[in-house]
């Protein structure tokens, strides 16, 4: 398998940066999931019918969705480097 890894920084440095980004985004995603679950538990069923309770849940879910997208991107970039030697696009 041909590597498309090129210059512009040593591989170890790029790998360390991508691993750190992956770890940080995973932690952010896990925290967002925990917060989303917490908000759902704290919001009684009757509050779901009101705008405040629903808004809190929607906001927590939105943060979780963004955190998941960031984690998936970081994981994809790290995996591409490790398996194929492809560096992330700037």
PDB file of N, CA and C in Angstrom:
ATOM      1  N   UNK A   1       0.856  -1.176   0.000  1.00  0.00           N
ATOM      2  CA  UNK A   1       0.000   0.000   0.000  1.00  0.00           C
ATOM      3  C   UNK A   1       0.899   1.234   0.000  1.00  0.00           C
ATOM      4  N   UNK A   2       0.673   2.088  -0.942  1.00  0.00           N
ATOM      5  CA  UNK A   2       1.495   3.285  -1.055  1.00  0.00           C
ATOM      6  C   UNK A   2       1.045   4.329  -0.049  1.00  0.00           C
ATOM      7  N   UNK A   3       2.013   4.959   0.540  1.00  0.00           N
ATOM      8  CA  UNK A   3       1.714   5.997   1.522  1.00  0.00           C
ATOM      9  C   UNK A   3       1.678   7.344   0.838  1.00  0.00           C
ATOM     10  N   UNK A   4       0.676   8.119   1.178  1.00  0.00           N
ATOM     11  CA  UNK A   4       0.603   9.478   0.646  1.00  0.00           C
ATOM     12  C   UNK A   4       1.106  10.476   1.676  1.00  0.00           C
ATOM     13  N   UNK A   5       1.759   9.962   2.704  1.00  0.00           N
ATOM     14  CA  UNK A   5       2.314  10.830   3.735  1.00  0.00           C
ATOM     15  C   UNK A   5       3.482  11.585   3.142  1.00  0.00           C
ATOM     16  N   UNK A   6       3.464  12.873   3.259  1.00  0.00           N
ATOM     17  CA  UNK A   6       4.518  13.701   2.690  1.00  0.00           C
ATOM     18  C   UNK A   6       5.209  14.504   3.750  1.00  0.00           C
ATOM     19  N   UNK A   7       5.965  15.472   3.334  1.00  0.00           N
ATOM     20  CA  UNK A   7       6.715  16.327   4.256  1.00  0.00           C
ATOM     21  C   UNK A   7       5.803  17.281   4.994  1.00  0.00           C
ATOM     22  N   UNK A   8       6.385  18.317   5.564  1.00  0.00           N
ATOM     23  CA  UNK A   8       5.597  19.301   6.280  1.00  0.00           C
ATOM     24  C   UNK A   8       5.339  18.907   7.711  1.00  0.00           C
ATOM     25  N   UNK A   9       6.311  18.290   8.342  1.00  0.00           N
ATOM     26  CA  UNK A   9       6.145  17.857   9.730  1.00  0.00           C
ATOM     27  C   UNK A   9       6.435  16.375   9.838  1.00  0.00           C
ATOM     28  N   UNK A  10       7.089  15.994  10.930  1.00  0.00           N
ATOM     29  CA  UNK A  10       7.422  14.585  11.061  1.00  0.00           C
ATOM     30  C   UNK A  10       6.175  13.781  11.404  1.00  0.00           C
ATOM     31  N   UNK A  11       6.179  12.529  11.034  1.00  0.00           N
ATOM     32  CA  UNK A  11       5.013  11.678  11.235  1.00  0.00           C
ATOM     33  C   UNK A  11       4.667  11.552  12.718  1.00  0.00           C
ATOM     34  N   UNK A  12       5.675  11.425  13.556  1.00  0.00           N
ATOM     35  CA  UNK A  12       5.408  11.281  14.991  1.00  0.00           C
ATOM     36  C   UNK A  12       4.678  12.508  15.538  1.00  0.00           C
ATOM     37  N   UNK A  13       5.094  13.671  15.096  1.00  0.00           N
ATOM     38  CA  UNK A  13       4.447  14.899  15.546  1.00  0.00           C
ATOM     39  C   UNK A  13       3.001  14.987  15.079  1.00  0.00           C
ATOM     40  N   UNK A  14       2.780  14.614  13.823  1.00  0.00           N
ATOM     41  CA  UNK A  14       1.418  14.633  13.278  1.00  0.00           C
ATOM     42  C   UNK A  14       0.568  13.601  14.008  1.00  0.00           C
ATOM     43  N   UNK A  15       1.126  12.416  14.217  1.00  0.00           N
ATOM     44  CA  UNK A  15       0.394  11.367  14.922  1.00  0.00           C
ATOM     45  C   UNK A  15       0.033  11.799  16.341  1.00  0.00           C
ATOM     46  N   UNK A  16       0.971  12.430  17.027  1.00  0.00           N
ATOM     47  CA  UNK A  16       0.709  12.899  18.395  1.00  0.00           C
ATOM     48  C   UNK A  16      -0.387  13.949  18.402  1.00  0.00           C
ATOM     49  N   UNK A  17      -0.334  14.872  17.457  1.00  0.00           N
ATOM     50  CA  UNK A  17      -1.352  15.923  17.370  1.00  0.00           C
ATOM     51  C   UNK A  17      -2.735  15.318  17.097  1.00  0.00           C
ATOM     52  N   UNK A  18      -2.791  14.361  16.168  1.00  0.00           N
ATOM     53  CA  UNK A  18      -4.078  13.742  15.843  1.00  0.00           C
ATOM     54  C   UNK A  18      -4.601  12.887  16.994  1.00  0.00           C
ATOM     55  N   UNK A  19      -3.690  12.204  17.690  1.00  0.00           N
ATOM     56  CA  UNK A  19      -4.114  11.390  18.838  1.00  0.00           C
ATOM     57  C   UNK A  19      -4.681  12.292  19.946  1.00  0.00           C
ATOM     58  N   UNK A  20      -4.021  13.401  20.179  1.00  0.00           N
ATOM     59  CA  UNK A  20      -4.494  14.345  21.188  1.00  0.00           C
ATOM     60  C   UNK A  20      -5.865  14.890  20.808  1.00  0.00           C
ATOM     61  N   UNK A  21      -6.027  15.261  19.543  1.00  0.00           N
ATOM     62  CA  UNK A  21      -7.319  15.773  19.068  1.00  0.00           C
ATOM     63  C   UNK A  21      -8.399  14.705  19.206  1.00  0.00           C
ATOM     64  N   UNK A  22      -8.049  13.466  18.887  1.00  0.00           N
ATOM     65  CA  UNK A  22      -9.006  12.370  19.003  1.00  0.00           C
ATOM     66  C   UNK A  22      -9.398  12.145  20.462  1.00  0.00           C
ATOM     67  N   UNK A  23      -8.410  12.111  21.337  1.00  0.00           N
ATOM     68  CA  UNK A  23      -8.687  11.904  22.765  1.00  0.00           C
ATOM     69  C   UNK A  23      -9.533  13.043  23.337  1.00  0.00           C
ATOM     70  N   UNK A  24      -9.186  14.267  22.989  1.00  0.00           N
ATOM     71  CA  UNK A  24      -9.942  15.425  23.484  1.00  0.00           C
ATOM     72  C   UNK A  24     -11.378  15.415  22.977  1.00  0.00           C
ATOM     73  N   UNK A  25     -11.554  15.084  21.703  1.00  0.00           N
ATOM     74  CA  UNK A  25     -12.910  15.074  21.149  1.00  0.00           C
ATOM     75  C   UNK A  25     -13.725  13.915  21.717  1.00  0.00           C
ATOM     76  N   UNK A  26     -13.076  12.795  22.010  1.00  0.00           N
ATOM     77  CA  UNK A  26     -13.774  11.672  22.645  1.00  0.00           C
ATOM     78  C   UNK A  26     -14.253  12.066  24.038  1.00  0.00           C
ATOM     79  N   UNK A  27     -13.374  12.726  24.785  1.00  0.00           N
ATOM     80  CA  UNK A  27     -13.746  13.175  26.129  1.00  0.00           C
ATOM     81  C   UNK A  27     -14.883  14.194  26.076  1.00  0.00           C
ATOM     82  N   UNK A  28     -14.833  15.082  25.107  1.00  0.00           N
ATOM     83  CA  UNK A  28     -15.903  16.077  24.959  1.00  0.00           C
ATOM     84  C   UNK A  28     -17.220  15.394  24.601  1.00  0.00           C
ATOM     85  N   UNK A  29     -17.155  14.384  23.748  1.00  0.00           N
ATOM     86  CA  UNK A  29     -18.360  13.645  23.377  1.00  0.00           C
ATOM     87  C   UNK A  29     -18.937  12.893  24.578  1.00  0.00           C
ATOM     88  N   UNK A  30     -18.071  12.246  25.335  1.00  0.00           N
ATOM     89  CA  UNK A  30     -18.532  11.524  26.516  1.00  0.00           C
ATOM     90  C   UNK A  30     -19.165  12.472  27.532  1.00  0.00           C
ATOM     91  N   UNK A  31     -18.571  13.640  27.706  1.00  0.00           N
ATOM     92  CA  UNK A  31     -19.131  14.636  28.629  1.00  0.00           C
ATOM     93  C   UNK A  31     -20.486  15.138  28.118  1.00  0.00           C
ATOM     94  N   UNK A  32     -20.600  15.337  26.806  1.00  0.00           N
ATOM     95  CA  UNK A  32     -21.861  15.800  26.225  1.00  0.00           C
ATOM     96  C   UNK A  32     -22.949  14.739  26.378  1.00  0.00           C
ATOM     97  N   UNK A  33     -22.578  13.473  26.230  1.00  0.00           N
ATOM     98  CA  UNK A  33     -23.547  12.391  26.426  1.00  0.00           C
ATOM     99  C   UNK A  33     -24.024  12.358  27.873  1.00  0.00           C
ATOM    100  N   UNK A  34     -23.085  12.489  28.781  1.00  0.00           N
ATOM    101  CA  UNK A  34     -23.426  12.475  30.199  1.00  0.00           C
ATOM    102  C   UNK A  34     -24.354  13.647  30.528  1.00  0.00           C
ATOM    103  N   UNK A  35     -24.042  14.824  29.996  1.00  0.00           N
ATOM    104  CA  UNK A  35     -24.864  16.007  30.251  1.00  0.00           C
ATOM    105  C   UNK A  35     -26.261  15.826  29.654  1.00  0.00           C
ATOM    106  N   UNK A  36     -26.330  15.267  28.471  1.00  0.00           N
ATOM    107  CA  UNK A  36     -27.620  15.046  27.818  1.00  0.00           C
ATOM    108  C   UNK A  36     -28.477  14.092  28.659  1.00  0.00           C
ATOM    109  N   UNK A  37     -27.881  13.024  29.137  1.00  0.00           N
ATOM    110  CA  UNK A  37     -28.594  12.081  30.000  1.00  0.00           C
ATOM    111  C   UNK A  37     -29.045  12.758  31.288  1.00  0.00           C
ATOM    112  N   UNK A  38     -28.163  13.586  31.853  1.00  0.00           N
ATOM    113  CA  UNK A  38     -28.474  14.288  33.095  1.00  0.00           C
ATOM    114  C   UNK A  38     -29.666  15.234  32.901  1.00  0.00           C
ATOM    115  N   UNK A  39     -29.660  15.973  31.819  1.00  0.00           N
ATOM    116  CA  UNK A  39     -30.753  16.905  31.540  1.00  0.00           C
ATOM    117  C   UNK A  39     -32.061  16.129  31.368  1.00  0.00           C
ATOM    118  N   UNK A  40     -32.006  15.009  30.677  1.00  0.00           N
ATOM    119  CA  UNK A  40     -33.212  14.207  30.474  1.00  0.00           C
ATOM    120  C   UNK A  40     -33.757  13.693  31.800  1.00  0.00           C
ATOM    121  N   UNK A  41     -32.871  13.281  32.690  1.00  0.00           N
ATOM    122  CA  UNK A  41     -33.311  12.784  33.996  1.00  0.00           C
ATOM    123  C   UNK A  41     -33.852  13.904  34.883  1.00  0.00           C
ATOM    124  N   UNK A  42     -33.287  15.086  34.745  1.00  0.00           N
ATOM    125  CA  UNK A  42     -33.698  16.221  35.576  1.00  0.00           C
ATOM    126  C   UNK A  42     -34.983  16.879  35.085  1.00  0.00           C
ATOM    127  N   UNK A  43     -35.381  16.569  33.878  1.00  0.00           N
ATOM    128  CA  UNK A  43     -36.552  17.204  33.297  1.00  0.00           C
ATOM    129  C   UNK A  43     -37.756  16.279  33.453  1.00  0.00           C
ATOM    130  N   UNK A  44     -38.675  16.633  34.319  1.00  0.00           N
ATOM    131  CA  UNK A  44     -39.859  15.790  34.503  1.00  0.00           C
ATOM    132  C   UNK A  44     -40.696  15.740  33.221  1.00  0.00           C
ATOM    133  N   UNK A  45     -41.469  14.690  33.081  1.00  0.00           N
ATOM    134  CA  UNK A  45     -42.292  14.520  31.879  1.00  0.00           C
ATOM    135  C   UNK A  45     -43.200  15.721  31.630  1.00  0.00           C
ATOM    136  N   UNK A  46     -43.749  16.281  32.686  1.00  0.00           N
ATOM    137  CA  UNK A  46     -44.657  17.418  32.494  1.00  0.00           C
ATOM    138  C   UNK A  46     -43.908  18.645  31.976  1.00  0.00           C
ATOM    139  N   UNK A  47     -42.629  18.758  32.315  1.00  0.00           N
ATOM    140  CA  UNK A  47     -41.830  19.893  31.831  1.00  0.00           C
ATOM    141  C   UNK A  47     -41.494  19.742  30.355  1.00  0.00           C
ATOM    142  N   UNK A  48     -41.542  18.510  29.860  1.00  0.00           N
ATOM    143  CA  UNK A  48     -41.256  18.279  28.441  1.00  0.00           C
ATOM    144  C   UNK A  48     -42.284  19.000  27.565  1.00  0.00           C
ATOM    145  N   UNK A  49     -43.475  19.196  28.105  1.00  0.00           N
ATOM    146  CA  UNK A  49     -44.519  19.855  27.334  1.00  0.00           C
ATOM    147  C   UNK A  49     -44.308  21.366  27.290  1.00  0.00           C
ATOM    148  N   UNK A  50     -43.586  21.895  28.254  1.00  0.00           N
ATOM    149  CA  UNK A  50     -43.292  23.324  28.280  1.00  0.00           C
ATOM    150  C   UNK A  50     -42.064  23.630  27.449  1.00  0.00           C
ATOM    151  N   UNK A  51     -41.929  24.856  27.078  1.00  0.00           N
ATOM    152  CA  UNK A  51     -40.819  25.219  26.197  1.00  0.00           C
ATOM    153  C   UNK A  51     -39.463  25.146  26.883  1.00  0.00           C
ATOM    154  N   UNK A  52     -39.399  25.447  28.186  1.00  0.00           N
ATOM    155  CA  UNK A  52     -38.110  25.435  28.879  1.00  0.00           C
ATOM    156  C   UNK A  52     -37.500  24.042  28.945  1.00  0.00           C
ATOM    157  N   UNK A  53     -38.280  23.065  29.362  1.00  0.00           N
ATOM    158  CA  UNK A  53     -37.769  21.698  29.478  1.00  0.00           C
ATOM    159  C   UNK A  53     -37.371  21.136  28.130  1.00  0.00           C
ATOM    160  N   UNK A  54     -38.209  21.349  27.155  1.00  0.00           N
ATOM    161  CA  UNK A  54     -37.924  20.868  25.804  1.00  0.00           C
ATOM    162  C   UNK A  54     -36.696  21.564  25.231  1.00  0.00           C
ATOM    163  N   UNK A  55     -36.589  22.845  25.469  1.00  0.00           N
ATOM    164  CA  UNK A  55     -35.441  23.608  24.962  1.00  0.00           C
ATOM    165  C   UNK A  55     -34.133  23.111  25.582  1.00  0.00           C
ATOM    166  N   UNK A  56     -34.149  22.819  26.880  1.00  0.00           N
ATOM    167  CA  UNK A  56     -32.941  22.301  27.546  1.00  0.00           C
ATOM    168  C   UNK A  56     -32.511  20.970  26.942  1.00  0.00           C
ATOM    169  N   UNK A  57     -33.470  20.107  26.689  1.00  0.00           N
ATOM    170  CA  UNK A  57     -33.152  18.797  26.113  1.00  0.00           C
ATOM    171  C   UNK A  57     -32.644  18.951  24.686  1.00  0.00           C
ATOM    172  N   UNK A  58     -33.286  19.801  23.914  1.00  0.00           N
ATOM    173  CA  UNK A  58     -32.853  20.017  22.529  1.00  0.00           C
ATOM    174  C   UNK A  58     -31.451  20.613  22.477  1.00  0.00           C
ATOM    175  N   UNK A  59     -31.170  21.537  23.381  1.00  0.00           N
ATOM    176  CA  UNK A  59     -29.845  22.158  23.404  1.00  0.00           C
ATOM    177  C   UNK A  59     -28.777  21.124  23.775  1.00  0.00           C
ATOM    178  N   UNK A  60     -29.049  20.303  24.769  1.00  0.00           N
ATOM    179  CA  UNK A  60     -28.087  19.268  25.172  1.00  0.00           C
ATOM    180  C   UNK A  60     -27.879  18.268  24.038  1.00  0.00           C
ATOM    181  N   UNK A  61     -28.952  17.917  23.346  1.00  0.00           N
ATOM    182  CA  UNK A  61     -28.846  16.980  22.227  1.00  0.00           C
ATOM    183  C   UNK A  61     -28.051  17.590  21.074  1.00  0.00           C
ATOM    184  N   UNK A  62     -28.232  18.875  20.865  1.00  0.00           N
ATOM    185  CA  UNK A  62     -27.486  19.560  19.804  1.00  0.00           C
ATOM    186  C   UNK A  62     -25.987  19.583  20.107  1.00  0.00           C
ATOM    187  N   UNK A  63     -25.645  19.858  21.353  1.00  0.00           N
ATOM    188  CA  UNK A  63     -24.232  19.854  21.759  1.00  0.00           C
ATOM    189  C   UNK A  63     -23.649  18.449  21.586  1.00  0.00           C
ATOM    190  N   UNK A  64     -24.434  17.440  21.961  1.00  0.00           N
ATOM    191  CA  UNK A  64     -23.968  16.056  21.806  1.00  0.00           C
ATOM    192  C   UNK A  64     -23.751  15.712  20.336  1.00  0.00           C
ATOM    193  N   UNK A  65     -24.643  16.174  19.470  1.00  0.00           N
ATOM    194  CA  UNK A  65     -24.524  15.892  18.035  1.00  0.00           C
ATOM    195  C   UNK A  65     -23.245  16.507  17.452  1.00  0.00           C
ATOM    196  N   UNK A  66     -22.970  17.746  17.832  1.00  0.00           N
ATOM    197  CA  UNK A  66     -21.750  18.418  17.359  1.00  0.00           C
ATOM    198  C   UNK A  66     -20.510  17.705  17.904  1.00  0.00           C
ATOM    199  N   UNK A  67     -20.555  17.320  19.175  1.00  0.00           N
ATOM    200  CA  UNK A  67     -19.427  16.624  19.784  1.00  0.00           C
ATOM    201  C   UNK A  67     -19.175  15.292  19.085  1.00  0.00           C
ATOM    202  N   UNK A  68     -20.243  14.584  18.721  1.00  0.00           N
ATOM    203  CA  UNK A  68     -20.092  13.315  18.001  1.00  0.00           C
ATOM    204  C   UNK A  68     -19.459  13.542  16.633  1.00  0.00           C
ATOM    205  N   UNK A  69     -19.905  14.558  15.923  1.00  0.00           N
ATOM    206  CA  UNK A  69     -19.334  14.866  14.600  1.00  0.00           C
ATOM    207  C   UNK A  69     -17.848  15.194  14.718  1.00  0.00           C
ATOM    208  N   UNK A  70     -17.474  15.949  15.735  1.00  0.00           N
ATOM    209  CA  UNK A  70     -16.063  16.289  15.946  1.00  0.00           C
ATOM    210  C   UNK A  70     -15.244  15.043  16.270  1.00  0.00           C
ATOM    211  N   UNK A  71     -15.797  14.166  17.094  1.00  0.00           N
ATOM    212  CA  UNK A  71     -15.103  12.923  17.451  1.00  0.00           C
ATOM    213  C   UNK A  71     -14.946  12.027  16.225  1.00  0.00           C
ATOM    214  N   UNK A  72     -15.987  11.902  15.427  1.00  0.00           N
ATOM    215  CA  UNK A  72     -15.908  11.080  14.222  1.00  0.00           C
ATOM    216  C   UNK A  72     -14.855  11.607  13.251  1.00  0.00           C
ATOM    217  N   UNK A  73     -14.788  12.919  13.116  1.00  0.00           N
ATOM    218  CA  UNK A  73     -13.794  13.532  12.222  1.00  0.00           C
ATOM    219  C   UNK A  73     -12.380  13.247  12.724  1.00  0.00           C
ATOM    220  N   UNK A  74     -12.168  13.441  14.020  1.00  0.00           N
ATOM    221  CA  UNK A  74     -10.844  13.206  14.595  1.00  0.00           C
ATOM    222  C   UNK A  74     -10.452  11.735  14.485  1.00  0.00           C
ATOM    223  N   UNK A  75     -11.394  10.853  14.730  1.00  0.00           N
ATOM    224  CA  UNK A  75     -11.132   9.420  14.636  1.00  0.00           C
ATOM    225  C   UNK A  75     -10.796   9.021  13.198  1.00  0.00           C
ATOM    226  N   UNK A  76     -11.518   9.579  12.259  1.00  0.00           N
ATOM    227  CA  UNK A  76     -11.276   9.296  10.838  1.00  0.00           C
ATOM    228  C   UNK A  76      -9.884   9.771  10.412  1.00  0.00           C
ATOM    229  N   UNK A  77      -9.518  10.978  10.836  1.00  0.00           N
ATOM    230  CA  UNK A  77      -8.203  11.515  10.472  1.00  0.00           C
ATOM    231  C   UNK A  77      -7.082  10.685  11.090  1.00  0.00           C
ATOM    232  N   UNK A  78      -7.233  10.309  12.349  1.00  0.00           N
ATOM    233  CA  UNK A  78      -6.212   9.513  13.028  1.00  0.00           C
ATOM    234  C   UNK A  78      -6.091   8.141  12.367  1.00  0.00           C
ATOM    235  N   UNK A  79      -7.215   7.518  12.087  1.00  0.00           N
ATOM    236  CA  UNK A  79      -7.215   6.193  11.463  1.00  0.00           C
ATOM    237  C   UNK A  79      -6.587   6.242  10.072  1.00  0.00           C
ATOM    238  N   UNK A  80      -6.888   7.270   9.305  1.00  0.00           N
ATOM    239  CA  UNK A  80      -6.326   7.407   7.959  1.00  0.00           C
ATOM    240  C   UNK A  80      -4.804   7.514   8.024  1.00  0.00           C
ATOM    241  N   UNK A  81      -4.290   8.225   9.008  1.00  0.00           N
ATOM    242  CA  UNK A  81      -2.841   8.345   9.147  1.00  0.00           C
ATOM    243  C   UNK A  81      -2.225   7.006   9.541  1.00  0.00           C
ATOM    244  N   UNK A  82      -2.806   6.356  10.530  1.00  0.00           N
ATOM    245  CA  UNK A  82      -2.246   5.109  11.036  1.00  0.00           C
ATOM    246  C   UNK A  82      -2.331   3.993   9.998  1.00  0.00           C
ATOM    247  N   UNK A  83      -3.472   3.835   9.355  1.00  0.00           N
ATOM    248  CA  UNK A  83      -3.662   2.710   8.435  1.00  0.00           C
ATOM    249  C   UNK A  83      -3.120   2.970   7.037  1.00  0.00           C
ATOM    250  N   UNK A  84      -3.279   4.196   6.551  1.00  0.00           N
ATOM    251  CA  UNK A  84      -2.919   4.491   5.163  1.00  0.00           C
ATOM    252  C   UNK A  84      -1.786   5.495   5.015  1.00  0.00           C
ATOM    253  N   UNK A  85      -1.367   6.104   6.104  1.00  0.00           N
ATOM    254  CA  UNK A  85      -0.313   7.104   6.027  1.00  0.00           C
ATOM    255  C   UNK A  85      -0.791   8.431   5.449  1.00  0.00           C
ATOM    256  N   UNK A  86      -2.104   8.627   5.369  1.00  0.00           N
ATOM    257  CA  UNK A  86      -2.653   9.869   4.815  1.00  0.00           C
ATOM    258  C   UNK A  86      -2.762  10.928   5.887  1.00  0.00           C
ATOM    259  N   UNK A  87      -2.203  12.097   5.615  1.00  0.00           N
ATOM    260  CA  UNK A  87      -2.307  13.232   6.521  1.00  0.00           C
ATOM    261  C   UNK A  87      -3.623  13.936   6.311  1.00  0.00           C
ATOM    262  N   UNK A  88      -4.137  14.574   7.346  1.00  0.00           N
ATOM    263  CA  UNK A  88      -5.402  15.299   7.194  1.00  0.00           C
ATOM    264  C   UNK A  88      -5.225  16.508   6.275  1.00  0.00           C
ATOM    265  N   UNK A  89      -6.307  16.837   5.608  1.00  0.00           N
ATOM    266  CA  UNK A  89      -6.293  18.022   4.760  1.00  0.00           C
ATOM    267  C   UNK A  89      -6.331  19.258   5.651  1.00  0.00           C
ATOM    268  N   UNK A  90      -5.580  20.296   5.275  1.00  0.00           N
ATOM    269  CA  UNK A  90      -5.568  21.524   6.098  1.00  0.00           C
ATOM    270  C   UNK A  90      -6.905  22.226   6.125  1.00  0.00           C
TER     271      UNK A  90
END
